[in-house]
């Protein structure tokens, strides 16, 4: 319902907007790295750096949360404070990228699963840096593909990341379902 309400407000605003502004908004919704100017880069970099530092500080509490909230509490984790720090880091990272580059889908969902599979661990001390690096690499590959080398066409970045990420997400869902069926028999 919140999505429908937000969508209706966006539609009303678009109805009364200047066509150039509508085109800018539509381009933003496709996702692009080309919209970040050099003058905006320091603010973007600082926001990302703060988010990454905060995220790295919650790696150990995240590991404790893997076995449940009660276990984390028994290990001395301040659960309430850790939750707020995790929420702050994730919100800052996702919000900064979305504000500057638009909503770029599937990387945040698919890349952590890929890293967990590739590294064979759930230890967040290793997963978080690996996810950041693999996510950046896949984002750059998707951007190169979106630029359509040799042509004057630029495809929506969201379409390319969905082509990369959707099969990974489907594979993870099917693998978990098959695992549950294997152990439930």
C-alpha atoms as a PDB file:
ATOM      1  CA  UNK A   1       0.000   0.000   0.000  1.00  0.00           C
ATOM      2  CA  UNK A   2       2.870   2.356   0.754  1.00  0.00           C
ATOM      3  CA  UNK A   3       4.271   1.595  -2.704  1.00  0.00           C
ATOM      4  CA  UNK A   4       0.942   2.400  -4.340  1.00  0.00           C
ATOM      5  CA  UNK A   5       0.644   5.649  -2.388  1.00  0.00           C
ATOM      6  CA  UNK A   6       4.168   6.676  -3.297  1.00  0.00           C
ATOM      7  CA  UNK A   7       3.593   5.740  -6.936  1.00  0.00           C
ATOM      8  CA  UNK A   8       0.426   7.820  -7.070  1.00  0.00           C
ATOM      9  CA  UNK A   9       2.208  10.843  -5.582  1.00  0.00           C
ATOM     10  CA  UNK A  10       5.030  10.461  -8.111  1.00  0.00           C
ATOM     11  CA  UNK A  11       2.464  10.255 -10.925  1.00  0.00           C
ATOM     12  CA  UNK A  12       0.736  13.427  -9.743  1.00  0.00           C
ATOM     13  CA  UNK A  13       4.060  15.256  -9.464  1.00  0.00           C
ATOM     14  CA  UNK A  14       5.078  14.074 -12.932  1.00  0.00           C
ATOM     15  CA  UNK A  15       1.784  15.312 -14.362  1.00  0.00           C
ATOM     16  CA  UNK A  16       2.558  18.857 -13.229  1.00  0.00           C
ATOM     17  CA  UNK A  17       6.298  18.742 -13.984  1.00  0.00           C
ATOM     18  CA  UNK A  18       8.366  20.273 -16.755  1.00  0.00           C
ATOM     19  CA  UNK A  19       9.166  17.705 -19.499  1.00  0.00           C
ATOM     20  CA  UNK A  20      12.929  18.127 -18.991  1.00  0.00           C
ATOM     21  CA  UNK A  21      12.565  17.295 -15.313  1.00  0.00           C
ATOM     22  CA  UNK A  22      10.500  14.228 -16.165  1.00  0.00           C
ATOM     23  CA  UNK A  23      13.231  13.030 -18.530  1.00  0.00           C
ATOM     24  CA  UNK A  24      15.849  13.566 -15.805  1.00  0.00           C
ATOM     25  CA  UNK A  25      13.735  11.569 -13.360  1.00  0.00           C
ATOM     26  CA  UNK A  26      13.193   8.742 -15.863  1.00  0.00           C
ATOM     27  CA  UNK A  27      16.943   8.570 -16.563  1.00  0.00           C
ATOM     28  CA  UNK A  28      17.609   8.461 -12.812  1.00  0.00           C
ATOM     29  CA  UNK A  29      15.167   5.531 -12.416  1.00  0.00           C
ATOM     30  CA  UNK A  30      17.143   3.578 -15.051  1.00  0.00           C
ATOM     31  CA  UNK A  31      20.260   3.829 -12.896  1.00  0.00           C
ATOM     32  CA  UNK A  32      23.484   5.324 -14.146  1.00  0.00           C
ATOM     33  CA  UNK A  33      26.962   6.107 -12.913  1.00  0.00           C
ATOM     34  CA  UNK A  34      27.204   8.941 -15.430  1.00  0.00           C
ATOM     35  CA  UNK A  35      25.015  11.241 -13.354  1.00  0.00           C
ATOM     36  CA  UNK A  36      27.625  11.771 -10.632  1.00  0.00           C
ATOM     37  CA  UNK A  37      29.640  14.898 -11.339  1.00  0.00           C
ATOM     38  CA  UNK A  38      33.135  15.607 -10.071  1.00  0.00           C
ATOM     39  CA  UNK A  39      31.744  18.325  -7.806  1.00  0.00           C
ATOM     40  CA  UNK A  40      29.412  15.761  -6.201  1.00  0.00           C
ATOM     41  CA  UNK A  41      32.103  13.090  -5.868  1.00  0.00           C
ATOM     42  CA  UNK A  42      33.578  14.272  -2.511  1.00  0.00           C
ATOM     43  CA  UNK A  43      30.168  14.115  -0.803  1.00  0.00           C
ATOM     44  CA  UNK A  44      29.410  10.739  -2.408  1.00  0.00           C
ATOM     45  CA  UNK A  45      32.824   9.347  -1.415  1.00  0.00           C
ATOM     46  CA  UNK A  46      32.513  10.565   2.186  1.00  0.00           C
ATOM     47  CA  UNK A  47      29.033   9.027   2.540  1.00  0.00           C
ATOM     48  CA  UNK A  48      30.268   5.696   1.157  1.00  0.00           C
ATOM     49  CA  UNK A  49      33.395   5.757   3.330  1.00  0.00           C
ATOM     50  CA  UNK A  50      31.374   6.421   6.501  1.00  0.00           C
ATOM     51  CA  UNK A  51      28.968   3.625   5.541  1.00  0.00           C
ATOM     52  CA  UNK A  52      31.800   1.166   4.885  1.00  0.00           C
ATOM     53  CA  UNK A  53      33.586   2.003   8.149  1.00  0.00           C
ATOM     54  CA  UNK A  54      30.330   1.601  10.081  1.00  0.00           C
ATOM     55  CA  UNK A  55      29.633  -1.689   8.303  1.00  0.00           C
ATOM     56  CA  UNK A  56      33.114  -3.000   9.103  1.00  0.00           C
ATOM     57  CA  UNK A  57      32.562  -2.188  12.770  1.00  0.00           C
ATOM     58  CA  UNK A  58      29.486  -4.444  12.919  1.00  0.00           C
ATOM     59  CA  UNK A  59      31.097  -7.512  11.310  1.00  0.00           C
ATOM     60  CA  UNK A  60      31.578  -9.319  14.619  1.00  0.00           C
ATOM     61  CA  UNK A  61      28.069  -8.597  15.909  1.00  0.00           C
ATOM     62  CA  UNK A  62      26.696  -9.808  12.560  1.00  0.00           C
ATOM     63  CA  UNK A  63      28.606 -13.054  13.032  1.00  0.00           C
ATOM     64  CA  UNK A  64      27.076 -13.423  16.484  1.00  0.00           C
ATOM     65  CA  UNK A  65      23.594 -12.777  15.032  1.00  0.00           C
ATOM     66  CA  UNK A  66      24.061 -15.743  12.684  1.00  0.00           C
ATOM     67  CA  UNK A  67      23.232 -18.030  15.602  1.00  0.00           C
ATOM     68  CA  UNK A  68      20.342 -15.899  16.852  1.00  0.00           C
ATOM     69  CA  UNK A  69      19.695 -12.889  18.987  1.00  0.00           C
ATOM     70  CA  UNK A  70      19.920 -14.827  22.258  1.00  0.00           C
ATOM     71  CA  UNK A  71      23.354 -16.171  21.318  1.00  0.00           C
ATOM     72  CA  UNK A  72      24.523 -12.694  20.316  1.00  0.00           C
ATOM     73  CA  UNK A  73      23.343 -11.297  23.632  1.00  0.00           C
ATOM     74  CA  UNK A  74      25.125 -14.119  25.503  1.00  0.00           C
ATOM     75  CA  UNK A  75      28.333 -13.220  23.638  1.00  0.00           C
ATOM     76  CA  UNK A  76      28.144  -9.683  25.034  1.00  0.00           C
ATOM     77  CA  UNK A  77      26.657  -7.970  21.988  1.00  0.00           C
ATOM     78  CA  UNK A  78      24.496  -4.968  22.774  1.00  0.00           C
ATOM     79  CA  UNK A  79      21.699  -6.144  20.475  1.00  0.00           C
ATOM     80  CA  UNK A  80      19.857  -2.846  20.318  1.00  0.00           C
ATOM     81  CA  UNK A  81      22.985  -0.832  19.554  1.00  0.00           C
ATOM     82  CA  UNK A  82      24.184  -3.387  16.984  1.00  0.00           C
ATOM     83  CA  UNK A  83      20.825  -3.313  15.208  1.00  0.00           C
ATOM     84  CA  UNK A  84      20.941   0.473  14.957  1.00  0.00           C
ATOM     85  CA  UNK A  85      24.522   0.394  13.651  1.00  0.00           C
ATOM     86  CA  UNK A  86      23.639  -2.268  11.056  1.00  0.00           C
ATOM     87  CA  UNK A  87      20.573  -0.315   9.982  1.00  0.00           C
ATOM     88  CA  UNK A  88      22.555   2.935   9.814  1.00  0.00           C
ATOM     89  CA  UNK A  89      25.346   1.422   7.716  1.00  0.00           C
ATOM     90  CA  UNK A  90      22.988  -0.315   5.298  1.00  0.00           C
ATOM     91  CA  UNK A  91      20.764   2.757   4.990  1.00  0.00           C
ATOM     92  CA  UNK A  92      23.671   5.112   4.399  1.00  0.00           C
ATOM     93  CA  UNK A  93      25.259   2.886   1.755  1.00  0.00           C
ATOM     94  CA  UNK A  94      22.014   2.118  -0.082  1.00  0.00           C
ATOM     95  CA  UNK A  95      20.729   5.681   0.258  1.00  0.00           C
ATOM     96  CA  UNK A  96      23.918   7.322  -1.001  1.00  0.00           C
ATOM     97  CA  UNK A  97      24.184   5.095  -4.047  1.00  0.00           C
ATOM     98  CA  UNK A  98      20.482   5.482  -4.825  1.00  0.00           C
ATOM     99  CA  UNK A  99      20.556   9.261  -4.408  1.00  0.00           C
ATOM    100  CA  UNK A 100      23.531   9.735  -6.705  1.00  0.00           C
ATOM    101  CA  UNK A 101      23.183   6.848  -9.175  1.00  0.00           C
ATOM    102  CA  UNK A 102      19.518   5.892  -9.056  1.00  0.00           C
ATOM    103  CA  UNK A 103      18.038   2.613  -7.908  1.00  0.00           C
ATOM    104  CA  UNK A 104      20.426  -0.054  -9.183  1.00  0.00           C
ATOM    105  CA  UNK A 105      18.722  -3.371  -8.624  1.00  0.00           C
ATOM    106  CA  UNK A 106      19.887  -6.891  -7.874  1.00  0.00           C
ATOM    107  CA  UNK A 107      23.511  -6.156  -6.944  1.00  0.00           C
ATOM    108  CA  UNK A 108      22.680  -5.804  -3.257  1.00  0.00           C
ATOM    109  CA  UNK A 109      20.744  -9.063  -3.312  1.00  0.00           C
ATOM    110  CA  UNK A 110      22.800 -11.251  -5.647  1.00  0.00           C
ATOM    111  CA  UNK A 111      26.392 -10.289  -4.804  1.00  0.00           C
ATOM    112  CA  UNK A 112      26.352 -11.294  -1.105  1.00  0.00           C
ATOM    113  CA  UNK A 113      25.031 -14.726  -2.070  1.00  0.00           C
ATOM    114  CA  UNK A 114      27.697 -15.081  -4.759  1.00  0.00           C
ATOM    115  CA  UNK A 115      30.407 -14.148  -2.269  1.00  0.00           C
ATOM    116  CA  UNK A 116      29.097 -16.568   0.331  1.00  0.00           C
ATOM    117  CA  UNK A 117      29.187 -19.348  -2.263  1.00  0.00           C
ATOM    118  CA  UNK A 118      32.592 -18.385  -3.681  1.00  0.00           C
ATOM    119  CA  UNK A 119      34.268 -17.974  -0.290  1.00  0.00           C
ATOM    120  CA  UNK A 120      32.457 -20.891   1.337  1.00  0.00           C
ATOM    121  CA  UNK A 121      31.988 -18.971   4.565  1.00  0.00           C
ATOM    122  CA  UNK A 122      29.411 -16.903   6.404  1.00  0.00           C
ATOM    123  CA  UNK A 123      32.043 -14.921   8.306  1.00  0.00           C
ATOM    124  CA  UNK A 124      31.177 -11.264   7.764  1.00  0.00           C
ATOM    125  CA  UNK A 125      34.786 -10.187   8.340  1.00  0.00           C
ATOM    126  CA  UNK A 126      35.538 -11.759   4.948  1.00  0.00           C
ATOM    127  CA  UNK A 127      32.150 -11.430   3.272  1.00  0.00           C
ATOM    128  CA  UNK A 128      31.787  -7.657   3.615  1.00  0.00           C
ATOM    129  CA  UNK A 129      35.027  -6.657   1.875  1.00  0.00           C
ATOM    130  CA  UNK A 130      34.547  -9.386  -0.737  1.00  0.00           C
ATOM    131  CA  UNK A 131      30.982  -8.248  -1.365  1.00  0.00           C
ATOM    132  CA  UNK A 132      32.074  -4.638  -1.734  1.00  0.00           C
ATOM    133  CA  UNK A 133      34.803  -5.556  -4.219  1.00  0.00           C
ATOM    134  CA  UNK A 134      32.739  -8.042  -6.225  1.00  0.00           C
ATOM    135  CA  UNK A 135      29.758  -5.671  -6.218  1.00  0.00           C
ATOM    136  CA  UNK A 136      31.937  -2.844  -7.539  1.00  0.00           C
ATOM    137  CA  UNK A 137      33.444  -5.100 -10.195  1.00  0.00           C
ATOM    138  CA  UNK A 138      30.054  -6.384 -11.359  1.00  0.00           C
ATOM    139  CA  UNK A 139      28.656  -2.849 -11.367  1.00  0.00           C
ATOM    140  CA  UNK A 140      31.520  -1.697 -13.599  1.00  0.00           C
ATOM    141  CA  UNK A 141      31.073  -4.690 -15.920  1.00  0.00           C
ATOM    142  CA  UNK A 142      27.339  -3.951 -16.126  1.00  0.00           C
ATOM    143  CA  UNK A 143      28.098  -0.290 -16.857  1.00  0.00           C
ATOM    144  CA  UNK A 144      30.510  -1.220 -19.662  1.00  0.00           C
ATOM    145  CA  UNK A 145      27.868  -3.524 -21.149  1.00  0.00           C
ATOM    146  CA  UNK A 146      25.222  -0.793 -20.761  1.00  0.00           C
ATOM    147  CA  UNK A 147      27.408   1.649 -22.703  1.00  0.00           C
ATOM    148  CA  UNK A 148      27.173  -0.720 -25.731  1.00  0.00           C
ATOM    149  CA  UNK A 149      30.757  -0.405 -26.989  1.00  0.00           C
ATOM    150  CA  UNK A 150      30.899   0.859 -30.559  1.00  0.00           C
ATOM    151  CA  UNK A 151      27.364   2.265 -30.541  1.00  0.00           C
ATOM    152  CA  UNK A 152      25.761   5.549 -29.556  1.00  0.00           C
ATOM    153  CA  UNK A 153      23.208   3.730 -27.382  1.00  0.00           C
ATOM    154  CA  UNK A 154      23.247   3.577 -23.588  1.00  0.00           C
ATOM    155  CA  UNK A 155      21.065   0.854 -22.102  1.00  0.00           C
ATOM    156  CA  UNK A 156      19.459   1.196 -18.664  1.00  0.00           C
ATOM    157  CA  UNK A 157      21.920  -0.016 -16.037  1.00  0.00           C
ATOM    158  CA  UNK A 158      19.057  -1.641 -14.095  1.00  0.00           C
ATOM    159  CA  UNK A 159      18.291  -3.871 -17.073  1.00  0.00           C
ATOM    160  CA  UNK A 160      21.870  -5.118 -17.248  1.00  0.00           C
ATOM    161  CA  UNK A 161      22.192  -5.711 -13.492  1.00  0.00           C
ATOM    162  CA  UNK A 162      18.881  -7.591 -13.556  1.00  0.00           C
ATOM    163  CA  UNK A 163      20.208  -9.835 -16.329  1.00  0.00           C
ATOM    164  CA  UNK A 164      23.215 -10.611 -14.150  1.00  0.00           C
ATOM    165  CA  UNK A 165      21.498 -10.738 -10.749  1.00  0.00           C
ATOM    166  CA  UNK A 166      18.111 -12.346 -11.371  1.00  0.00           C
ATOM    167  CA  UNK A 167      19.528 -15.751 -12.361  1.00  0.00           C
ATOM    168  CA  UNK A 168      21.697 -15.744  -9.231  1.00  0.00           C
ATOM    169  CA  UNK A 169      18.723 -14.987  -6.995  1.00  0.00           C
ATOM    170  CA  UNK A 170      16.584 -17.660  -8.676  1.00  0.00           C
ATOM    171  CA  UNK A 171      19.440 -20.154  -8.332  1.00  0.00           C
ATOM    172  CA  UNK A 172      19.820 -19.371  -4.601  1.00  0.00           C
ATOM    173  CA  UNK A 173      16.074 -19.759  -4.030  1.00  0.00           C
ATOM    174  CA  UNK A 174      15.953 -23.065  -5.898  1.00  0.00           C
ATOM    175  CA  UNK A 175      19.074 -24.357  -4.135  1.00  0.00           C
ATOM    176  CA  UNK A 176      17.569 -23.586  -0.717  1.00  0.00           C
ATOM    177  CA  UNK A 177      14.288 -25.216  -1.699  1.00  0.00           C
ATOM    178  CA  UNK A 178      16.099 -28.344  -2.901  1.00  0.00           C
ATOM    179  CA  UNK A 179      18.142 -28.398   0.314  1.00  0.00           C
ATOM    180  CA  UNK A 180      14.987 -28.229   2.436  1.00  0.00           C
ATOM    181  CA  UNK A 181      13.352 -31.003   0.388  1.00  0.00           C
ATOM    182  CA  UNK A 182      16.459 -33.156   0.772  1.00  0.00           C
ATOM    183  CA  UNK A 183      16.491 -32.877   4.567  1.00  0.00           C
ATOM    184  CA  UNK A 184      12.716 -33.031   5.052  1.00  0.00           C
ATOM    185  CA  UNK A 185      12.383 -36.434   3.353  1.00  0.00           C
END
